[in-house]
mmCIF file of all heavy atoms, coordinates in Angstrom:
data_MODEL
# 
_entry.id   MODEL 
# 
loop_
_atom_site.group_PDB 
_atom_site.id 
_atom_site.type_symbol 
_atom_site.label_atom_id 
_atom_site.label_alt_id 
_atom_site.label_comp_id 
_atom_site.label_asym_id 
_atom_site.label_entity_id 
_atom_site.label_seq_id 
_atom_site.pdbx_PDB_ins_code 
_atom_site.Cartn_x 
_atom_site.Cartn_y 
_atom_site.Cartn_z 
_atom_site.occupancy 
_atom_site.B_iso_or_equiv 
_atom_site.pdbx_formal_charge 
_atom_site.auth_seq_id 
_atom_site.auth_comp_id 
_atom_site.auth_asym_id 
_atom_site.auth_atom_id 
_atom_site.pdbx_PDB_model_num 
ATOM 1   N N   . TYR A 1 1  ? -14.154 0.298   -6.989  1.00 0.00 ? 1  TYR A N   1 
ATOM 2   C CA  . TYR A 1 1  ? -13.723 -0.362  -8.225  1.00 0.00 ? 1  TYR A CA  1 
ATOM 3   C C   . TYR A 1 1  ? -12.242 -0.756  -8.158  1.00 0.00 ? 1  TYR A C   1 
ATOM 4   O O   . TYR A 1 1  ? -11.392 0.137   -8.061  1.00 0.00 ? 1  TYR A O   1 
ATOM 5   C CB  . TYR A 1 1  ? -13.945 0.536   -9.437  1.00 0.00 ? 1  TYR A CB  1 
ATOM 6   C CG  . TYR A 1 1  ? -15.365 1.032   -9.563  1.00 0.00 ? 1  TYR A CG  1 
ATOM 7   C CD1 . TYR A 1 1  ? -15.653 2.386   -9.479  1.00 0.00 ? 1  TYR A CD1 1 
ATOM 8   C CD2 . TYR A 1 1  ? -16.403 0.147   -9.785  1.00 0.00 ? 1  TYR A CD2 1 
ATOM 9   C CE1 . TYR A 1 1  ? -16.948 2.861   -9.600  1.00 0.00 ? 1  TYR A CE1 1 
ATOM 10  C CE2 . TYR A 1 1  ? -17.710 0.584   -9.890  1.00 0.00 ? 1  TYR A CE2 1 
ATOM 11  C CZ  . TYR A 1 1  ? -17.985 1.934   -9.790  1.00 0.00 ? 1  TYR A CZ  1 
ATOM 12  O OH  . TYR A 1 1  ? -19.277 2.387   -9.909  1.00 0.00 ? 1  TYR A OH  1 
ATOM 13  N N   . PRO A 1 2  ? -11.904 -2.058  -8.259  1.00 0.00 ? 2  PRO A N   1 
ATOM 14  C CA  . PRO A 1 2  ? -10.497 -2.455  -8.211  1.00 0.00 ? 2  PRO A CA  1 
ATOM 15  C C   . PRO A 1 2  ? -9.606  -1.803  -9.261  1.00 0.00 ? 2  PRO A C   1 
ATOM 16  O O   . PRO A 1 2  ? -8.446  -1.551  -9.021  1.00 0.00 ? 2  PRO A O   1 
ATOM 17  C CB  . PRO A 1 2  ? -10.545 -3.978  -8.418  1.00 0.00 ? 2  PRO A CB  1 
ATOM 18  C CG  . PRO A 1 2  ? -11.896 -4.356  -7.906  1.00 0.00 ? 2  PRO A CG  1 
ATOM 19  C CD  . PRO A 1 2  ? -12.800 -3.211  -8.271  1.00 0.00 ? 2  PRO A CD  1 
ATOM 20  N N   . ASP A 1 3  ? -10.180 -1.476  -10.436 1.00 0.00 ? 3  ASP A N   1 
ATOM 21  C CA  . ASP A 1 3  ? -9.335  -0.866  -11.486 1.00 0.00 ? 3  ASP A CA  1 
ATOM 22  C C   . ASP A 1 3  ? -8.934  0.577   -11.170 1.00 0.00 ? 3  ASP A C   1 
ATOM 23  O O   . ASP A 1 3  ? -8.124  1.170   -11.892 1.00 0.00 ? 3  ASP A O   1 
ATOM 24  C CB  . ASP A 1 3  ? -9.990  -0.984  -12.868 1.00 0.00 ? 3  ASP A CB  1 
ATOM 25  C CG  . ASP A 1 3  ? -11.377 -0.340  -12.951 1.00 0.00 ? 3  ASP A CG  1 
ATOM 26  O OD1 . ASP A 1 3  ? -11.945 0.000   -11.893 1.00 0.00 ? 3  ASP A OD1 1 
ATOM 27  O OD2 . ASP A 1 3  ? -11.893 -0.199  -14.060 1.00 0.00 ? 3  ASP A OD2 1 
ATOM 28  N N   . LEU A 1 4  ? -9.450  1.152   -10.087 1.00 0.00 ? 4  LEU A N   1 
ATOM 29  C CA  . LEU A 1 4  ? -9.035  2.501   -9.685  1.00 0.00 ? 4  LEU A CA  1 
ATOM 30  C C   . LEU A 1 4  ? -7.822  2.472   -8.770  1.00 0.00 ? 4  LEU A C   1 
ATOM 31  O O   . LEU A 1 4  ? -7.291  3.513   -8.416  1.00 0.00 ? 4  LEU A O   1 
ATOM 32  C CB  . LEU A 1 4  ? -10.196 3.225   -8.985  1.00 0.00 ? 4  LEU A CB  1 
ATOM 33  C CG  . LEU A 1 4  ? -11.443 3.522   -9.850  1.00 0.00 ? 4  LEU A CG  1 
ATOM 34  C CD1 . LEU A 1 4  ? -12.495 4.232   -9.005  1.00 0.00 ? 4  LEU A CD1 1 
ATOM 35  C CD2 . LEU A 1 4  ? -11.084 4.347   -11.072 1.00 0.00 ? 4  LEU A CD2 1 
ATOM 36  N N   . MET A 1 5  ? -7.372  1.268   -8.350  1.00 0.00 ? 5  MET A N   1 
ATOM 37  C CA  . MET A 1 5  ? -6.182  1.136   -7.506  1.00 0.00 ? 5  MET A CA  1 
ATOM 38  C C   . MET A 1 5  ? -4.957  1.174   -8.420  1.00 0.00 ? 5  MET A C   1 
ATOM 39  O O   . MET A 1 5  ? -4.638  0.196   -9.072  1.00 0.00 ? 5  MET A O   1 
ATOM 40  C CB  . MET A 1 5  ? -6.236  -0.171  -6.709  1.00 0.00 ? 5  MET A CB  1 
ATOM 41  C CG  . MET A 1 5  ? -4.991  -0.409  -5.874  1.00 0.00 ? 5  MET A CG  1 
ATOM 42  S SD  . MET A 1 5  ? -4.797  0.700   -4.451  1.00 0.00 ? 5  MET A SD  1 
ATOM 43  C CE  . MET A 1 5  ? -5.899  -0.087  -3.258  1.00 0.00 ? 5  MET A CE  1 
ATOM 44  N N   . THR A 1 6  ? -4.264  2.300   -8.435  1.00 0.00 ? 6  THR A N   1 
ATOM 45  C CA  . THR A 1 6  ? -3.065  2.430   -9.290  1.00 0.00 ? 6  THR A CA  1 
ATOM 46  C C   . THR A 1 6  ? -1.897  1.727   -8.589  1.00 0.00 ? 6  THR A C   1 
ATOM 47  O O   . THR A 1 6  ? -1.899  1.533   -7.386  1.00 0.00 ? 6  THR A O   1 
ATOM 48  C CB  . THR A 1 6  ? -2.692  3.901   -9.514  1.00 0.00 ? 6  THR A CB  1 
ATOM 49  O OG1 . THR A 1 6  ? -2.367  4.494   -8.247  1.00 0.00 ? 6  THR A OG1 1 
ATOM 50  C CG2 . THR A 1 6  ? -3.830  4.676   -10.185 1.00 0.00 ? 6  THR A CG2 1 
ATOM 51  N N   . GLU A 1 7  ? -0.874  1.417   -9.396  1.00 0.00 ? 7  GLU A N   1 
ATOM 52  C CA  . GLU A 1 7  ? 0.331   0.790   -8.845  1.00 0.00 ? 7  GLU A CA  1 
ATOM 53  C C   . GLU A 1 7  ? 1.019   1.726   -7.820  1.00 0.00 ? 7  GLU A C   1 
ATOM 54  O O   . GLU A 1 7  ? 1.467   1.284   -6.784  1.00 0.00 ? 7  GLU A O   1 
ATOM 55  C CB  . GLU A 1 7  ? 1.283   0.478   -10.013 1.00 0.00 ? 7  GLU A CB  1 
ATOM 56  C CG  . GLU A 1 7  ? 2.602   -0.123  -9.597  1.00 0.00 ? 7  GLU A CG  1 
ATOM 57  C CD  . GLU A 1 7  ? 2.508   -1.491  -8.901  1.00 0.00 ? 7  GLU A CD  1 
ATOM 58  O OE1 . GLU A 1 7  ? 1.463   -2.162  -9.037  1.00 0.00 ? 7  GLU A OE1 1 
ATOM 59  O OE2 . GLU A 1 7  ? 3.466   -1.851  -8.199  1.00 0.00 ? 7  GLU A OE2 1 
ATOM 60  N N   . ALA A 1 8  ? 1.045   3.017   -8.136  1.00 0.00 ? 8  ALA A N   1 
ATOM 61  C CA  . ALA A 1 8  ? 1.674   3.976   -7.231  1.00 0.00 ? 8  ALA A CA  1 
ATOM 62  C C   . ALA A 1 8  ? 0.931   4.041   -5.884  1.00 0.00 ? 8  ALA A C   1 
ATOM 63  O O   . ALA A 1 8  ? 1.539   4.088   -4.830  1.00 0.00 ? 8  ALA A O   1 
ATOM 64  C CB  . ALA A 1 8  ? 1.729   5.373   -7.881  1.00 0.00 ? 8  ALA A CB  1 
ATOM 65  N N   . TYR A 1 9  ? -0.420  4.033   -5.938  1.00 0.00 ? 9  TYR A N   1 
ATOM 66  C CA  . TYR A 1 9  ? -1.177  4.110   -4.701  1.00 0.00 ? 9  TYR A CA  1 
ATOM 67  C C   . TYR A 1 9  ? -1.068  2.799   -3.919  1.00 0.00 ? 9  TYR A C   1 
ATOM 68  O O   . TYR A 1 9  ? -1.018  2.801   -2.687  1.00 0.00 ? 9  TYR A O   1 
ATOM 69  C CB  . TYR A 1 9  ? -2.653  4.456   -4.986  1.00 0.00 ? 9  TYR A CB  1 
ATOM 70  C CG  . TYR A 1 9  ? -3.291  5.148   -3.808  1.00 0.00 ? 9  TYR A CG  1 
ATOM 71  C CD1 . TYR A 1 9  ? -3.010  6.487   -3.517  1.00 0.00 ? 9  TYR A CD1 1 
ATOM 72  C CD2 . TYR A 1 9  ? -4.159  4.471   -2.949  1.00 0.00 ? 9  TYR A CD2 1 
ATOM 73  C CE1 . TYR A 1 9  ? -3.553  7.121   -2.404  1.00 0.00 ? 9  TYR A CE1 1 
ATOM 74  C CE2 . TYR A 1 9  ? -4.706  5.101   -1.831  1.00 0.00 ? 9  TYR A CE2 1 
ATOM 75  C CZ  . TYR A 1 9  ? -4.401  6.432   -1.585  1.00 0.00 ? 9  TYR A CZ  1 
ATOM 76  O OH  . TYR A 1 9  ? -4.948  7.052   -0.477  1.00 0.00 ? 9  TYR A OH  1 
ATOM 77  N N   . ARG A 1 10 ? -0.974  1.681   -4.630  1.00 0.00 ? 10 ARG A N   1 
ATOM 78  C CA  . ARG A 1 10 ? -0.795  0.379   -4.006  1.00 0.00 ? 10 ARG A CA  1 
ATOM 79  C C   . ARG A 1 10 ? 0.533   0.393   -3.207  1.00 0.00 ? 10 ARG A C   1 
ATOM 80  O O   . ARG A 1 10 ? 0.604   -0.041  -2.065  1.00 0.00 ? 10 ARG A O   1 
ATOM 81  C CB  . ARG A 1 10 ? -0.787  -0.695  -5.082  1.00 0.00 ? 10 ARG A CB  1 
ATOM 82  C CG  . ARG A 1 10 ? -0.589  -2.124  -4.531  1.00 0.00 ? 10 ARG A CG  1 
ATOM 83  C CD  . ARG A 1 10 ? -0.376  -3.108  -5.681  1.00 0.00 ? 10 ARG A CD  1 
ATOM 84  N NE  . ARG A 1 10 ? 0.969   -3.009  -6.213  1.00 0.00 ? 10 ARG A NE  1 
ATOM 85  C CZ  . ARG A 1 10 ? 2.037   -3.561  -5.629  1.00 0.00 ? 10 ARG A CZ  1 
ATOM 86  N NH1 . ARG A 1 10 ? 1.927   -4.200  -4.513  1.00 0.00 ? 10 ARG A NH1 1 
ATOM 87  N NH2 . ARG A 1 10 ? 3.227   -3.433  -6.198  1.00 0.00 ? 10 ARG A NH2 1 
ATOM 88  N N   . ARG A 1 11 ? 1.587   0.895   -3.865  1.00 0.00 ? 11 ARG A N   1 
ATOM 89  C CA  . ARG A 1 11 ? 2.908   0.962   -3.200  1.00 0.00 ? 11 ARG A CA  1 
ATOM 90  C C   . ARG A 1 11 ? 2.878   1.886   -1.989  1.00 0.00 ? 11 ARG A C   1 
ATOM 91  O O   . ARG A 1 11 ? 3.465   1.594   -0.961  1.00 0.00 ? 11 ARG A O   1 
ATOM 92  C CB  . ARG A 1 11 ? 3.976   1.439   -4.196  1.00 0.00 ? 11 ARG A CB  1 
ATOM 93  C CG  . ARG A 1 11 ? 4.589   0.318   -5.016  1.00 0.00 ? 11 ARG A CG  1 
ATOM 94  C CD  . ARG A 1 11 ? 5.930   0.718   -5.621  1.00 0.00 ? 11 ARG A CD  1 
ATOM 95  N NE  . ARG A 1 11 ? 5.835   2.004   -6.314  1.00 0.00 ? 11 ARG A NE  1 
ATOM 96  C CZ  . ARG A 1 11 ? 5.546   2.153   -7.596  1.00 0.00 ? 11 ARG A CZ  1 
ATOM 97  N NH1 . ARG A 1 11 ? 5.238   1.112   -8.317  1.00 0.00 ? 11 ARG A NH1 1 
ATOM 98  N NH2 . ARG A 1 11 ? 5.500   3.357   -8.144  1.00 0.00 ? 11 ARG A NH2 1 
ATOM 99  N N   . TYR A 1 12 ? 2.178   3.004   -2.131  1.00 0.00 ? 12 TYR A N   1 
ATOM 100 C CA  . TYR A 1 12 ? 2.028   3.953   -1.008  1.00 0.00 ? 12 TYR A CA  1 
ATOM 101 C C   . TYR A 1 12 ? 1.351   3.267   0.173   1.00 0.00 ? 12 TYR A C   1 
ATOM 102 O O   . TYR A 1 12 ? 1.850   3.347   1.313   1.00 0.00 ? 12 TYR A O   1 
ATOM 103 C CB  . TYR A 1 12 ? 1.222   5.179   -1.462  1.00 0.00 ? 12 TYR A CB  1 
ATOM 104 C CG  . TYR A 1 12 ? 0.606   5.987   -0.346  1.00 0.00 ? 12 TYR A CG  1 
ATOM 105 C CD1 . TYR A 1 12 ? 1.413   6.715   0.533   1.00 0.00 ? 12 TYR A CD1 1 
ATOM 106 C CD2 . TYR A 1 12 ? -0.766  5.996   -0.133  1.00 0.00 ? 12 TYR A CD2 1 
ATOM 107 C CE1 . TYR A 1 12 ? 0.858   7.463   1.567   1.00 0.00 ? 12 TYR A CE1 1 
ATOM 108 C CE2 . TYR A 1 12 ? -1.328  6.734   0.908   1.00 0.00 ? 12 TYR A CE2 1 
ATOM 109 C CZ  . TYR A 1 12 ? -0.507  7.454   1.752   1.00 0.00 ? 12 TYR A CZ  1 
ATOM 110 O OH  . TYR A 1 12 ? -1.064  8.173   2.790   1.00 0.00 ? 12 TYR A OH  1 
ATOM 111 N N   . LEU A 1 13 ? 0.231   2.543   -0.067  1.00 0.00 ? 13 LEU A N   1 
ATOM 112 C CA  . LEU A 1 13 ? -0.443  1.851   1.025   1.00 0.00 ? 13 LEU A CA  1 
ATOM 113 C C   . LEU A 1 13 ? 0.453   0.794   1.651   1.00 0.00 ? 13 LEU A C   1 
ATOM 114 O O   . LEU A 1 13 ? 0.488   0.645   2.880   1.00 0.00 ? 13 LEU A O   1 
ATOM 115 C CB  . LEU A 1 13 ? -1.750  1.222   0.531   1.00 0.00 ? 13 LEU A CB  1 
ATOM 116 C CG  . LEU A 1 13 ? -2.911  2.184   0.219   1.00 0.00 ? 13 LEU A CG  1 
ATOM 117 C CD1 . LEU A 1 13 ? -4.084  1.410   -0.341  1.00 0.00 ? 13 LEU A CD1 1 
ATOM 118 C CD2 . LEU A 1 13 ? -3.324  2.963   1.468   1.00 0.00 ? 13 LEU A CD2 1 
ATOM 119 N N   . LEU A 1 14 ? 1.166   0.056   0.820   1.00 0.00 ? 14 LEU A N   1 
ATOM 120 C CA  . LEU A 1 14 ? 2.077   -0.968  1.333   1.00 0.00 ? 14 LEU A CA  1 
ATOM 121 C C   . LEU A 1 14 ? 3.148   -0.340  2.235   1.00 0.00 ? 14 LEU A C   1 
ATOM 122 O O   . LEU A 1 14 ? 3.377   -0.808  3.356   1.00 0.00 ? 14 LEU A O   1 
ATOM 123 C CB  . LEU A 1 14 ? 2.767   -1.688  0.189   1.00 0.00 ? 14 LEU A CB  1 
ATOM 124 C CG  . LEU A 1 14 ? 4.021   -2.507  0.608   1.00 0.00 ? 14 LEU A CG  1 
ATOM 125 C CD1 . LEU A 1 14 ? 3.623   -3.671  1.491   1.00 0.00 ? 14 LEU A CD1 1 
ATOM 126 C CD2 . LEU A 1 14 ? 4.780   -2.981  -0.591  1.00 0.00 ? 14 LEU A CD2 1 
ATOM 127 N N   . ASN A 1 15 ? 3.789   0.729   1.758   1.00 0.00 ? 15 ASN A N   1 
ATOM 128 C CA  . ASN A 1 15 ? 4.838   1.358   2.540   1.00 0.00 ? 15 ASN A CA  1 
ATOM 129 C C   . ASN A 1 15 ? 4.314   1.877   3.887   1.00 0.00 ? 15 ASN A C   1 
ATOM 130 O O   . ASN A 1 15 ? 4.960   1.708   4.918   1.00 0.00 ? 15 ASN A O   1 
ATOM 131 C CB  . ASN A 1 15 ? 5.514   2.474   1.746   1.00 0.00 ? 15 ASN A CB  1 
ATOM 132 C CG  . ASN A 1 15 ? 6.301   1.920   0.558   1.00 0.00 ? 15 ASN A CG  1 
ATOM 133 O OD1 . ASN A 1 15 ? 6.739   0.793   0.564   1.00 0.00 ? 15 ASN A OD1 1 
ATOM 134 N ND2 . ASN A 1 15 ? 6.468   2.748   -0.466  1.00 0.00 ? 15 ASN A ND2 1 
ATOM 135 N N   . GLN A 1 16 ? 3.133   2.481   3.840   1.00 0.00 ? 16 GLN A N   1 
ATOM 136 C CA  . GLN A 1 16 ? 2.524   2.987   5.077   1.00 0.00 ? 16 GLN A CA  1 
ATOM 137 C C   . GLN A 1 16 ? 2.196   1.825   6.011   1.00 0.00 ? 16 GLN A C   1 
ATOM 138 O O   . GLN A 1 16 ? 2.378   1.911   7.224   1.00 0.00 ? 16 GLN A O   1 
ATOM 139 C CB  . GLN A 1 16 ? 1.265   3.796   4.778   1.00 0.00 ? 16 GLN A CB  1 
ATOM 140 C CG  . GLN A 1 16 ? 1.513   5.088   3.989   1.00 0.00 ? 16 GLN A CG  1 
ATOM 141 C CD  . GLN A 1 16 ? 2.455   6.016   4.714   1.00 0.00 ? 16 GLN A CD  1 
ATOM 142 O OE1 . GLN A 1 16 ? 2.255   6.375   5.871   1.00 0.00 ? 16 GLN A OE1 1 
ATOM 143 N NE2 . GLN A 1 16 ? 3.522   6.412   4.036   1.00 0.00 ? 16 GLN A NE2 1 
ATOM 144 N N   . PHE A 1 17 ? 1.700   0.735   5.438   1.00 0.00 ? 17 PHE A N   1 
ATOM 145 C CA  . PHE A 1 17 ? 1.320   -0.415  6.235   1.00 0.00 ? 17 PHE A CA  1 
ATOM 146 C C   . PHE A 1 17 ? 2.538   -1.024  6.917   1.00 0.00 ? 17 PHE A C   1 
ATOM 147 O O   . PHE A 1 17 ? 2.508   -1.341  8.098   1.00 0.00 ? 17 PHE A O   1 
ATOM 148 C CB  . PHE A 1 17 ? 0.631   -1.462  5.325   1.00 0.00 ? 17 PHE A CB  1 
ATOM 149 C CG  . PHE A 1 17 ? -0.033  -2.573  6.093   1.00 0.00 ? 17 PHE A CG  1 
ATOM 150 C CD1 . PHE A 1 17 ? -1.302  -2.410  6.613   1.00 0.00 ? 17 PHE A CD1 1 
ATOM 151 C CD2 . PHE A 1 17 ? 0.623   -3.774  6.308   1.00 0.00 ? 17 PHE A CD2 1 
ATOM 152 C CE1 . PHE A 1 17 ? -1.913  -3.425  7.349   1.00 0.00 ? 17 PHE A CE1 1 
ATOM 153 C CE2 . PHE A 1 17 ? 0.030   -4.793  7.029   1.00 0.00 ? 17 PHE A CE2 1 
ATOM 154 C CZ  . PHE A 1 17 ? -1.244  -4.621  7.535   1.00 0.00 ? 17 PHE A CZ  1 
ATOM 155 N N   . ARG A 1 18 ? 3.614   -1.199  6.158   1.00 0.00 ? 18 ARG A N   1 
ATOM 156 C CA  . ARG A 1 18 ? 4.850   -1.730  6.726   1.00 0.00 ? 18 ARG A CA  1 
ATOM 157 C C   . ARG A 1 18 ? 5.412   -0.795  7.795   1.00 0.00 ? 18 ARG A C   1 
ATOM 158 O O   . ARG A 1 18 ? 5.919   -1.269  8.821   1.00 0.00 ? 18 ARG A O   1 
ATOM 159 C CB  . ARG A 1 18 ? 5.914   -1.926  5.633   1.00 0.00 ? 18 ARG A CB  1 
ATOM 160 C CG  . ARG A 1 18 ? 5.615   -3.045  4.660   1.00 0.00 ? 18 ARG A CG  1 
ATOM 161 C CD  . ARG A 1 18 ? 6.014   -4.389  5.214   1.00 0.00 ? 18 ARG A CD  1 
ATOM 162 N NE  . ARG A 1 18 ? 5.929   -5.458  4.218   1.00 0.00 ? 18 ARG A NE  1 
ATOM 163 C CZ  . ARG A 1 18 ? 6.067   -6.732  4.504   1.00 0.00 ? 18 ARG A CZ  1 
ATOM 164 N NH1 . ARG A 1 18 ? 6.297   -7.134  5.735   1.00 0.00 ? 18 ARG A NH1 1 
ATOM 165 N NH2 . ARG A 1 18 ? 5.974   -7.642  3.572   1.00 0.00 ? 18 ARG A NH2 1 
ATOM 166 N N   . LYS A 1 19 ? 5.298   0.509   7.575   1.00 0.00 ? 19 LYS A N   1 
ATOM 167 C CA  . LYS A 1 19 ? 5.791   1.479   8.551   1.00 0.00 ? 19 LYS A CA  1 
ATOM 168 C C   . LYS A 1 19 ? 5.011   1.360   9.852   1.00 0.00 ? 19 LYS A C   1 
ATOM 169 O O   . LYS A 1 19 ? 5.573   1.386   10.935  1.00 0.00 ? 19 LYS A O   1 
ATOM 170 C CB  . LYS A 1 19 ? 5.637   2.884   7.975   1.00 0.00 ? 19 LYS A CB  1 
ATOM 171 C CG  . LYS A 1 19 ? 6.747   3.845   8.337   1.00 0.00 ? 19 LYS A CG  1 
ATOM 172 C CD  . LYS A 1 19 ? 6.536   5.197   7.695   1.00 0.00 ? 19 LYS A CD  1 
ATOM 173 C CE  . LYS A 1 19 ? 7.093   5.199   6.264   1.00 0.00 ? 19 LYS A CE  1 
ATOM 174 N NZ  . LYS A 1 19 ? 6.987   6.511   5.620   1.00 0.00 ? 19 LYS A NZ  1 
ATOM 175 N N   . GLN A 1 20 ? 3.705   1.209   9.728   1.00 0.00 ? 20 GLN A N   1 
ATOM 176 C CA  . GLN A 1 20 ? 2.831   1.144   10.907  1.00 0.00 ? 20 GLN A CA  1 
ATOM 177 C C   . GLN A 1 20 ? 2.882   -0.183  11.633  1.00 0.00 ? 20 GLN A C   1 
ATOM 178 O O   . GLN A 1 20 ? 2.941   -0.246  12.846  1.00 0.00 ? 20 GLN A O   1 
ATOM 179 C CB  . GLN A 1 20 ? 1.383   1.420   10.465  1.00 0.00 ? 20 GLN A CB  1 
ATOM 180 C CG  . GLN A 1 20 ? 0.366   1.370   11.584  1.00 0.00 ? 20 GLN A CG  1 
ATOM 181 C CD  . GLN A 1 20 ? -0.190  2.718   11.919  1.00 0.00 ? 20 GLN A CD  1 
ATOM 182 O OE1 . GLN A 1 20 ? 0.057   3.700   11.214  1.00 0.00 ? 20 GLN A OE1 1 
ATOM 183 N NE2 . GLN A 1 20 ? -0.945  2.779   12.972  1.00 0.00 ? 20 GLN A NE2 1 
ATOM 184 N N   . TYR A 1 21 ? 2.839   -1.292  10.890  1.00 0.00 ? 21 TYR A N   1 
ATOM 185 C CA  . TYR A 1 21 ? 2.676   -2.622  11.518  1.00 0.00 ? 21 TYR A CA  1 
ATOM 186 C C   . TYR A 1 21 ? 3.855   -3.547  11.325  1.00 0.00 ? 21 TYR A C   1 
ATOM 187 O O   . TYR A 1 21 ? 3.861   -4.662  11.854  1.00 0.00 ? 21 TYR A O   1 
ATOM 188 C CB  . TYR A 1 21 ? 1.416   -3.302  10.991  1.00 0.00 ? 21 TYR A CB  1 
ATOM 189 C CG  . TYR A 1 21 ? 0.162   -2.527  11.288  1.00 0.00 ? 21 TYR A CG  1 
ATOM 190 C CD1 . TYR A 1 21 ? -0.563  -1.923  10.271  1.00 0.00 ? 21 TYR A CD1 1 
ATOM 191 C CD2 . TYR A 1 21 ? -0.303  -2.383  12.594  1.00 0.00 ? 21 TYR A CD2 1 
ATOM 192 C CE1 . TYR A 1 21 ? -1.721  -1.208  10.543  1.00 0.00 ? 21 TYR A CE1 1 
ATOM 193 C CE2 . TYR A 1 21 ? -1.438  -1.671  12.885  1.00 0.00 ? 21 TYR A CE2 1 
ATOM 194 C CZ  . TYR A 1 21 ? -2.152  -1.087  11.848  1.00 0.00 ? 21 TYR A CZ  1 
ATOM 195 O OH  . TYR A 1 21 ? -3.298  -0.385  12.118  1.00 0.00 ? 21 TYR A OH  1 
ATOM 196 N N   . SER A 1 22 ? 4.864   -3.159  10.540  1.00 0.00 ? 22 SER A N   1 
ATOM 197 C CA  . SER A 1 22 ? 6.085   -3.906  10.303  1.00 0.00 ? 22 SER A CA  1 
ATOM 198 C C   . SER A 1 22 ? 5.865   -5.260  9.615   1.00 0.00 ? 22 SER A C   1 
ATOM 199 O O   . SER A 1 22 ? 6.117   -5.375  8.443   1.00 0.00 ? 22 SER A O   1 
ATOM 200 C CB  . SER A 1 22 ? 6.884   -4.109  11.595  1.00 0.00 ? 22 SER A CB  1 
ATOM 201 O OG  . SER A 1 22 ? 7.989   -4.940  11.334  1.00 0.00 ? 22 SER A OG  1 
ATOM 202 N N   . PHE A 1 23 ? 5.390   -6.260  10.337  1.00 0.00 ? 23 PHE A N   1 
ATOM 203 C CA  . PHE A 1 23 ? 5.271   -7.608  9.781   1.00 0.00 ? 23 PHE A CA  1 
ATOM 204 C C   . PHE A 1 23 ? 6.602   -8.061  9.176   1.00 0.00 ? 23 PHE A C   1 
ATOM 205 O O   . PHE A 1 23 ? 6.664   -8.655  8.100   1.00 0.00 ? 23 PHE A O   1 
ATOM 206 C CB  . PHE A 1 23 ? 4.152   -7.718  8.743   1.00 0.00 ? 23 PHE A CB  1 
ATOM 207 C CG  . PHE A 1 23 ? 2.771   -7.852  9.318   1.00 0.00 ? 23 PHE A CG  1 
ATOM 208 C CD1 . PHE A 1 23 ? 1.956   -6.737  9.476   1.00 0.00 ? 23 PHE A CD1 1 
ATOM 209 C CD2 . PHE A 1 23 ? 2.297   -9.093  9.719   1.00 0.00 ? 23 PHE A CD2 1 
ATOM 210 C CE1 . PHE A 1 23 ? 0.690   -6.860  10.014  1.00 0.00 ? 23 PHE A CE1 1 
ATOM 211 C CE2 . PHE A 1 23 ? 1.029   -9.211  10.269  1.00 0.00 ? 23 PHE A CE2 1 
ATOM 212 C CZ  . PHE A 1 23 ? 0.224   -8.104  10.430  1.00 0.00 ? 23 PHE A CZ  1 
ATOM 213 N N   . ALA A 1 24 ? 7.715   -7.766  9.880   1.00 0.00 ? 24 ALA A N   1 
ATOM 214 C CA  . ALA A 1 24 ? 9.046   -8.124  9.398   1.00 0.00 ? 24 ALA A CA  1 
ATOM 215 C C   . ALA A 1 24 ? 9.144   -9.620  9.084   1.00 0.00 ? 24 ALA A C   1 
ATOM 216 O O   . ALA A 1 24 ? 8.727   -10.444 9.891   1.00 0.00 ? 24 ALA A O   1 
ATOM 217 C CB  . ALA A 1 24 ? 10.110  -7.728  10.444  1.00 0.00 ? 24 ALA A CB  1 
# 
């Protein structure tokens, strides 16, 4: 369910993603 994706968890996934794959 998309409504279960909180803003805090979204930011966590983003930060982890940038850390792992950069995409600078």
